[in-house]
Amino acid sequence: MLFIEYPKCTTCQKAKKWLNDHDIPYADRHIKDDNPTVAELKDWHQKSGMPLKKFFNTSGMLYKEMQLKNRLPDMTEEEQYALLSTDGMLVKRPLIITDDYILVGFKEADWKERMLHHPE
């Protein structure tokens, strides 16, 4: 299991504490130092079954500075993948990446359901 985080993010800190409290093993990756690639983003998006917009950190400063709320609707998926791959701060975090599922953001109920009740 890969846990992708921005260590200064309080939500990421809560998520990491939750993983540790439940003794769930994971590999840690810093989203800003090791930004997701276009290939990774495509793979995660397809596995997740979620709209691509869910992978954007819509509350982030960079998202707002770039006025992406207005720009995304006119962008192709390829353009959005390329944009997401330019800066980890554009990507919603934390992310849980496994062979079987992807979790974007930290919603404790979703994590509990997926990792504790259906860990396969």
N, C-alpha and C. Protein backbone atom coordinates (compact mmCIF):
# COMPACT_ATOMS: atom_id res chain seq x y z
N MET A 1 0.85 -1.18 0.00
CA MET A 1 0.00 0.00 0.00
C MET A 1 0.89 1.23 0.00
N LEU A 2 0.55 2.16 -0.87
CA LEU A 2 1.30 3.41 -0.96
C LEU A 2 0.45 4.53 -0.36
N PHE A 3 1.05 5.30 0.54
CA PHE A 3 0.38 6.45 1.17
C PHE A 3 1.09 7.69 0.65
N ILE A 4 0.37 8.47 -0.13
CA ILE A 4 0.96 9.68 -0.72
C ILE A 4 0.43 10.87 0.06
N GLU A 5 1.36 11.67 0.56
CA GLU A 5 0.96 12.76 1.45
C GLU A 5 1.82 14.00 1.23
N TYR A 6 1.32 15.10 1.76
CA TYR A 6 2.11 16.31 1.93
C TYR A 6 2.23 16.45 3.45
N PRO A 7 3.43 16.23 4.01
CA PRO A 7 3.57 16.13 5.47
C PRO A 7 3.03 17.31 6.28
N LYS A 8 3.01 18.50 5.71
CA LYS A 8 2.51 19.67 6.45
C LYS A 8 0.99 19.75 6.46
N CYS A 9 0.34 18.94 5.65
CA CYS A 9 -1.12 18.94 5.52
C CYS A 9 -1.74 18.27 6.75
N THR A 10 -2.62 18.98 7.45
CA THR A 10 -3.20 18.43 8.68
C THR A 10 -4.07 17.20 8.39
N THR A 11 -4.76 17.20 7.26
CA THR A 11 -5.57 16.03 6.90
C THR A 11 -4.67 14.82 6.68
N CYS A 12 -3.52 15.03 6.04
CA CYS A 12 -2.56 13.94 5.83
C CYS A 12 -2.04 13.43 7.17
N GLN A 13 -1.79 14.33 8.10
CA GLN A 13 -1.31 13.94 9.42
C GLN A 13 -2.35 13.08 10.14
N LYS A 14 -3.63 13.48 10.03
CA LYS A 14 -4.70 12.70 10.65
C LYS A 14 -4.79 11.31 10.01
N ALA A 15 -4.66 11.28 8.69
CA ALA A 15 -4.75 10.01 7.95
C ALA A 15 -3.60 9.09 8.35
N LYS A 16 -2.41 9.65 8.46
CA LYS A 16 -1.23 8.86 8.83
C LYS A 16 -1.39 8.30 10.25
N LYS A 17 -1.89 9.13 11.15
CA LYS A 17 -2.14 8.68 12.52
C LYS A 17 -3.16 7.55 12.52
N TRP A 18 -4.19 7.67 11.70
CA TRP A 18 -5.22 6.62 11.60
C TRP A 18 -4.60 5.31 11.12
N LEU A 19 -3.77 5.39 10.09
CA LEU A 19 -3.10 4.18 9.59
C LEU A 19 -2.24 3.55 10.68
N ASN A 20 -1.46 4.39 11.37
CA ASN A 20 -0.59 3.89 12.43
C ASN A 20 -1.40 3.30 13.59
N ASP A 21 -2.47 3.98 13.96
CA ASP A 21 -3.31 3.50 15.06
C ASP A 21 -3.94 2.14 14.76
N HIS A 22 -4.15 1.86 13.47
CA HIS A 22 -4.77 0.60 13.06
C HIS A 22 -3.73 -0.42 12.57
N ASP A 23 -2.45 -0.10 12.80
CA ASP A 23 -1.36 -1.01 12.41
C ASP A 23 -1.43 -1.43 10.95
N ILE A 24 -1.76 -0.50 10.10
CA ILE A 24 -1.83 -0.78 8.66
C ILE A 24 -0.49 -0.39 8.04
N PRO A 25 0.22 -1.35 7.45
CA PRO A 25 1.52 -1.05 6.88
C PRO A 25 1.40 -0.29 5.55
N TYR A 26 2.33 0.61 5.32
CA TYR A 26 2.29 1.40 4.09
C TYR A 26 3.69 1.93 3.77
N ALA A 27 3.86 2.25 2.51
CA ALA A 27 5.06 2.97 2.08
C ALA A 27 4.65 4.43 1.94
N ASP A 28 5.50 5.32 2.38
CA ASP A 28 5.21 6.75 2.42
C ASP A 28 5.84 7.46 1.23
N ARG A 29 5.12 8.39 0.65
CA ARG A 29 5.68 9.17 -0.47
C ARG A 29 5.24 10.63 -0.34
N HIS A 30 6.19 11.53 -0.46
CA HIS A 30 5.96 12.97 -0.35
C HIS A 30 5.50 13.48 -1.71
N ILE A 31 4.28 14.00 -1.78
CA ILE A 31 3.67 14.37 -3.05
C ILE A 31 4.38 15.53 -3.76
N LYS A 32 5.00 16.40 -3.00
CA LYS A 32 5.68 17.55 -3.60
C LYS A 32 7.08 17.16 -4.09
N ASP A 33 7.77 16.34 -3.31
CA ASP A 33 9.12 15.92 -3.70
C ASP A 33 9.10 14.85 -4.78
N ASP A 34 8.05 14.06 -4.82
CA ASP A 34 7.95 12.96 -5.78
C ASP A 34 6.56 13.01 -6.40
N ASN A 35 6.39 13.97 -7.31
CA ASN A 35 5.09 14.24 -7.90
C ASN A 35 4.59 13.07 -8.75
N PRO A 36 3.29 12.79 -8.70
CA PRO A 36 2.75 11.74 -9.56
C PRO A 36 3.00 12.04 -11.04
N THR A 37 3.30 10.99 -11.80
CA THR A 37 3.52 11.14 -13.24
C THR A 37 2.19 11.05 -13.98
N VAL A 38 2.20 11.42 -15.24
CA VAL A 38 0.99 11.31 -16.06
C VAL A 38 0.52 9.85 -16.09
N ALA A 39 1.47 8.92 -16.28
CA ALA A 39 1.10 7.49 -16.34
C ALA A 39 0.46 7.03 -15.02
N GLU A 40 1.03 7.44 -13.90
CA GLU A 40 0.46 7.07 -12.60
C GLU A 40 -0.94 7.65 -12.44
N LEU A 41 -1.08 8.92 -12.77
CA LEU A 41 -2.38 9.59 -12.63
C LEU A 41 -3.45 8.91 -13.48
N LYS A 42 -3.10 8.55 -14.71
CA LYS A 42 -4.06 7.85 -15.59
C LYS A 42 -4.47 6.53 -14.97
N ASP A 43 -3.47 5.78 -14.50
CA ASP A 43 -3.74 4.47 -13.90
C ASP A 43 -4.63 4.62 -12.67
N TRP A 44 -4.30 5.55 -11.78
CA TRP A 44 -5.08 5.75 -10.55
C TRP A 44 -6.49 6.21 -10.87
N HIS A 45 -6.62 7.13 -11.81
CA HIS A 45 -7.93 7.63 -12.19
C HIS A 45 -8.81 6.50 -12.71
N GLN A 46 -8.24 5.69 -13.60
CA GLN A 46 -9.02 4.58 -14.18
C GLN A 46 -9.41 3.56 -13.11
N LYS A 47 -8.48 3.24 -12.21
CA LYS A 47 -8.77 2.28 -11.13
C LYS A 47 -9.81 2.81 -10.16
N SER A 48 -9.80 4.12 -9.95
CA SER A 48 -10.65 4.72 -8.91
C SER A 48 -12.12 4.73 -9.30
N GLY A 49 -12.40 4.85 -10.61
CA GLY A 49 -13.78 4.98 -11.06
C GLY A 49 -14.38 6.34 -10.74
N MET A 50 -13.56 7.28 -10.28
CA MET A 50 -14.04 8.62 -9.91
C MET A 50 -13.82 9.60 -11.05
N PRO A 51 -14.58 10.70 -11.05
CA PRO A 51 -14.30 11.76 -12.03
C PRO A 51 -12.89 12.30 -11.81
N LEU A 52 -12.22 12.68 -12.87
CA LEU A 52 -10.85 13.18 -12.77
C LEU A 52 -10.77 14.42 -11.87
N LYS A 53 -11.82 15.22 -11.85
CA LYS A 53 -11.82 16.43 -11.03
C LYS A 53 -11.57 16.12 -9.55
N LYS A 54 -11.95 14.90 -9.11
CA LYS A 54 -11.75 14.51 -7.71
C LYS A 54 -10.27 14.41 -7.34
N PHE A 55 -9.39 14.35 -8.34
CA PHE A 55 -7.96 14.25 -8.08
C PHE A 55 -7.32 15.63 -7.91
N PHE A 56 -8.08 16.68 -8.16
CA PHE A 56 -7.55 18.03 -8.00
C PHE A 56 -7.78 18.53 -6.57
N ASN A 57 -6.78 19.20 -6.04
CA ASN A 57 -6.87 19.81 -4.72
C ASN A 57 -7.59 21.15 -4.88
N THR A 58 -8.91 21.08 -4.94
CA THR A 58 -9.72 22.26 -5.26
C THR A 58 -9.67 23.33 -4.18
N SER A 59 -9.21 22.97 -2.98
CA SER A 59 -9.12 24.00 -1.94
C SER A 59 -7.71 24.57 -1.83
N GLY A 60 -6.81 24.10 -2.67
CA GLY A 60 -5.43 24.57 -2.61
C GLY A 60 -5.22 25.95 -3.22
N MET A 61 -4.19 26.63 -2.74
CA MET A 61 -3.88 27.98 -3.25
C MET A 61 -3.55 27.96 -4.73
N LEU A 62 -2.76 26.97 -5.15
CA LEU A 62 -2.34 26.90 -6.54
C LEU A 62 -3.53 26.73 -7.47
N TYR A 63 -4.48 25.88 -7.06
CA TYR A 63 -5.71 25.65 -7.84
C TYR A 63 -6.45 26.98 -8.02
N LYS A 64 -6.52 27.73 -6.93
CA LYS A 64 -7.24 29.01 -6.99
C LYS A 64 -6.47 30.06 -7.80
N GLU A 65 -5.15 30.12 -7.59
CA GLU A 65 -4.32 31.08 -8.33
C GLU A 65 -4.40 30.85 -9.83
N MET A 66 -4.46 29.58 -10.22
CA MET A 66 -4.51 29.24 -11.64
C MET A 66 -5.92 29.31 -12.22
N GLN A 67 -6.89 29.66 -11.37
CA GLN A 67 -8.29 29.77 -11.77
C GLN A 67 -8.79 28.51 -12.47
N LEU A 68 -8.43 27.37 -11.89
CA LEU A 68 -8.76 26.09 -12.53
C LEU A 68 -10.25 25.77 -12.48
N LYS A 69 -10.95 26.35 -11.53
CA LYS A 69 -12.40 26.12 -11.48
C LYS A 69 -13.03 26.49 -12.82
N ASN A 70 -12.54 27.57 -13.41
CA ASN A 70 -13.08 28.03 -14.69
C ASN A 70 -12.43 27.35 -15.89
N ARG A 71 -11.20 26.89 -15.72
CA ARG A 71 -10.45 26.32 -16.84
C ARG A 71 -10.67 24.84 -17.07
N LEU A 72 -10.87 24.08 -15.98
CA LEU A 72 -10.97 22.61 -16.10
C LEU A 72 -12.06 22.14 -17.07
N PRO A 73 -13.26 22.76 -17.03
CA PRO A 73 -14.32 22.25 -17.91
C PRO A 73 -13.94 22.27 -19.40
N ASP A 74 -13.03 23.15 -19.79
CA ASP A 74 -12.65 23.25 -21.19
C ASP A 74 -11.39 22.44 -21.52
N MET A 75 -10.83 21.76 -20.53
CA MET A 75 -9.60 21.00 -20.75
C MET A 75 -9.91 19.53 -21.02
N THR A 76 -9.12 18.91 -21.89
CA THR A 76 -9.26 17.48 -22.13
C THR A 76 -8.67 16.72 -20.95
N GLU A 77 -8.97 15.43 -20.87
CA GLU A 77 -8.38 14.63 -19.80
C GLU A 77 -6.86 14.64 -19.91
N GLU A 78 -6.35 14.54 -21.13
CA GLU A 78 -4.90 14.54 -21.33
C GLU A 78 -4.27 15.83 -20.78
N GLU A 79 -4.92 16.95 -21.05
CA GLU A 79 -4.42 18.25 -20.53
C GLU A 79 -4.49 18.28 -19.00
N GLN A 80 -5.53 17.70 -18.44
CA GLN A 80 -5.66 17.67 -16.98
C GLN A 80 -4.59 16.78 -16.35
N TYR A 81 -4.34 15.61 -16.94
CA TYR A 81 -3.27 14.74 -16.43
C TYR A 81 -1.94 15.48 -16.48
N ALA A 82 -1.67 16.13 -17.60
CA ALA A 82 -0.40 16.85 -17.77
C ALA A 82 -0.27 17.94 -16.71
N LEU A 83 -1.34 18.66 -16.47
CA LEU A 83 -1.33 19.73 -15.47
C LEU A 83 -1.10 19.16 -14.07
N LEU A 84 -1.83 18.11 -13.71
CA LEU A 84 -1.67 17.49 -12.39
C LEU A 84 -0.24 17.01 -12.16
N SER A 85 0.40 16.56 -13.24
CA SER A 85 1.75 16.00 -13.10
C SER A 85 2.82 17.08 -12.94
N THR A 86 2.44 18.36 -13.12
CA THR A 86 3.43 19.43 -13.02
C THR A 86 3.74 19.83 -11.58
N ASP A 87 2.79 19.59 -10.66
CA ASP A 87 2.99 20.05 -9.28
C ASP A 87 2.11 19.24 -8.34
N GLY A 88 2.75 18.58 -7.38
CA GLY A 88 2.01 17.77 -6.41
C GLY A 88 1.00 18.55 -5.62
N MET A 89 1.19 19.87 -5.53
CA MET A 89 0.25 20.67 -4.75
C MET A 89 -1.11 20.80 -5.44
N LEU A 90 -1.18 20.44 -6.71
CA LEU A 90 -2.46 20.45 -7.43
C LEU A 90 -3.28 19.19 -7.15
N VAL A 91 -2.60 18.16 -6.63
CA VAL A 91 -3.24 16.86 -6.46
C VAL A 91 -3.85 16.74 -5.06
N LYS A 92 -5.10 16.28 -5.02
CA LYS A 92 -5.76 16.08 -3.73
C LYS A 92 -5.03 15.00 -2.95
N ARG A 93 -4.89 15.23 -1.68
CA ARG A 93 -4.19 14.28 -0.85
C ARG A 93 -4.91 14.16 0.49
N PRO A 94 -4.61 13.14 1.25
CA PRO A 94 -3.72 12.03 0.94
C PRO A 94 -4.34 11.07 -0.08
N LEU A 95 -3.49 10.24 -0.64
CA LEU A 95 -3.93 9.20 -1.56
C LEU A 95 -3.48 7.86 -1.00
N ILE A 96 -4.35 6.87 -1.12
CA ILE A 96 -3.99 5.48 -0.82
C ILE A 96 -4.03 4.75 -2.16
N ILE A 97 -2.92 4.11 -2.49
CA ILE A 97 -2.82 3.40 -3.76
C ILE A 97 -2.54 1.93 -3.46
N THR A 98 -3.42 1.05 -3.91
CA THR A 98 -3.16 -0.39 -3.81
C THR A 98 -3.40 -0.98 -5.18
N ASP A 99 -3.13 -2.26 -5.32
CA ASP A 99 -3.39 -2.93 -6.60
C ASP A 99 -4.88 -2.99 -6.89
N ASP A 100 -5.70 -2.96 -5.85
CA ASP A 100 -7.13 -3.18 -6.02
C ASP A 100 -8.01 -1.94 -5.92
N TYR A 101 -7.53 -0.92 -5.25
CA TYR A 101 -8.36 0.27 -5.07
C TYR A 101 -7.51 1.51 -4.82
N ILE A 102 -8.17 2.65 -5.00
CA ILE A 102 -7.56 3.97 -4.79
C ILE A 102 -8.50 4.74 -3.85
N LEU A 103 -7.92 5.41 -2.86
CA LEU A 103 -8.70 6.32 -2.01
C LEU A 103 -8.09 7.71 -2.13
N VAL A 104 -8.94 8.69 -2.37
CA VAL A 104 -8.49 10.07 -2.53
C VAL A 104 -9.07 10.91 -1.41
N GLY A 105 -8.19 11.62 -0.67
CA GLY A 105 -8.65 12.39 0.48
C GLY A 105 -8.85 11.45 1.66
N PHE A 106 -9.08 12.02 2.82
CA PHE A 106 -9.26 11.20 4.02
C PHE A 106 -10.67 11.36 4.56
N LYS A 107 -11.47 10.31 4.35
CA LYS A 107 -12.78 10.23 4.98
C LYS A 107 -12.73 8.96 5.82
N GLU A 108 -12.68 9.14 7.12
CA GLU A 108 -12.44 8.01 8.02
C GLU A 108 -13.40 6.85 7.78
N ALA A 109 -14.67 7.15 7.57
CA ALA A 109 -15.66 6.07 7.35
C ALA A 109 -15.31 5.26 6.10
N ASP A 110 -14.91 5.94 5.04
CA ASP A 110 -14.55 5.24 3.80
C ASP A 110 -13.30 4.38 4.01
N TRP A 111 -12.32 4.94 4.70
CA TRP A 111 -11.08 4.21 4.94
C TRP A 111 -11.35 2.98 5.80
N LYS A 112 -12.17 3.16 6.84
CA LYS A 112 -12.51 2.05 7.73
C LYS A 112 -13.20 0.94 6.95
N GLU A 113 -14.17 1.33 6.14
CA GLU A 113 -14.92 0.36 5.34
C GLU A 113 -13.98 -0.41 4.40
N ARG A 114 -13.11 0.31 3.71
CA ARG A 114 -12.24 -0.31 2.71
C ARG A 114 -11.10 -1.11 3.35
N MET A 115 -10.46 -0.55 4.34
CA MET A 115 -9.23 -1.19 4.85
C MET A 115 -9.46 -2.15 6.01
N LEU A 116 -10.49 -1.92 6.80
CA LEU A 116 -10.69 -2.78 7.96
C LEU A 116 -11.75 -3.86 7.69
N HIS A 117 -12.77 -3.52 6.91
CA HIS A 117 -13.85 -4.48 6.67
C HIS A 117 -13.67 -5.25 5.37
N HIS A 118 -13.01 -4.64 4.40
CA HIS A 118 -12.76 -5.29 3.09
C HIS A 118 -11.31 -5.06 2.68
N PRO A 119 -10.36 -5.58 3.42
CA PRO A 119 -8.96 -5.26 3.15
C PRO A 119 -8.38 -5.89 1.88
N GLU A 120 -9.12 -6.79 1.25
CA GLU A 120 -8.57 -7.44 0.05
C GLU A 120 -8.40 -6.48 -1.10
